[in-house]
Amino acid sequence: MDLEMSQIVIDDDLVMDVNTGIIGHKKSDELVKSDVFPTDEIMSQIDKLEEAISDLESSFSPYSTSRLSQPRREGVYQNAGLLTNIVLGVVIALLIIILLV
């Protein structure tokens, strides 16, 4: 397969040329450029999705903060997790002590 003919089939009659990034209608073996698709708008939406994905991936770290949090809030997830585990440990310990007595 030639690199010049590399295309991604999007729909039955829509294809994207890999080399140029042009989306168009397919007529036999040629690609006819279509102005129907606002590629700038699509790229801006993809950029927003990539930003949301990177924010989601960074939320796995207990030392990170969310995008909308106040400054100097690093480690808030770690503190919340520590406090939650302490409270759960105390409650479970009290339940075990009550059951034994």
Foldseek 3Di string as FASTA:
>chain_A
DDLQQDWADPDPQWIARPVPRFIAGDDPSDGDGDPPDPVVVVVVVVVVVVVVVVQVVVVVDQQDDHPPDDPPCGNVSVVVVVVVVVVVVVVVVVVVVVVVD
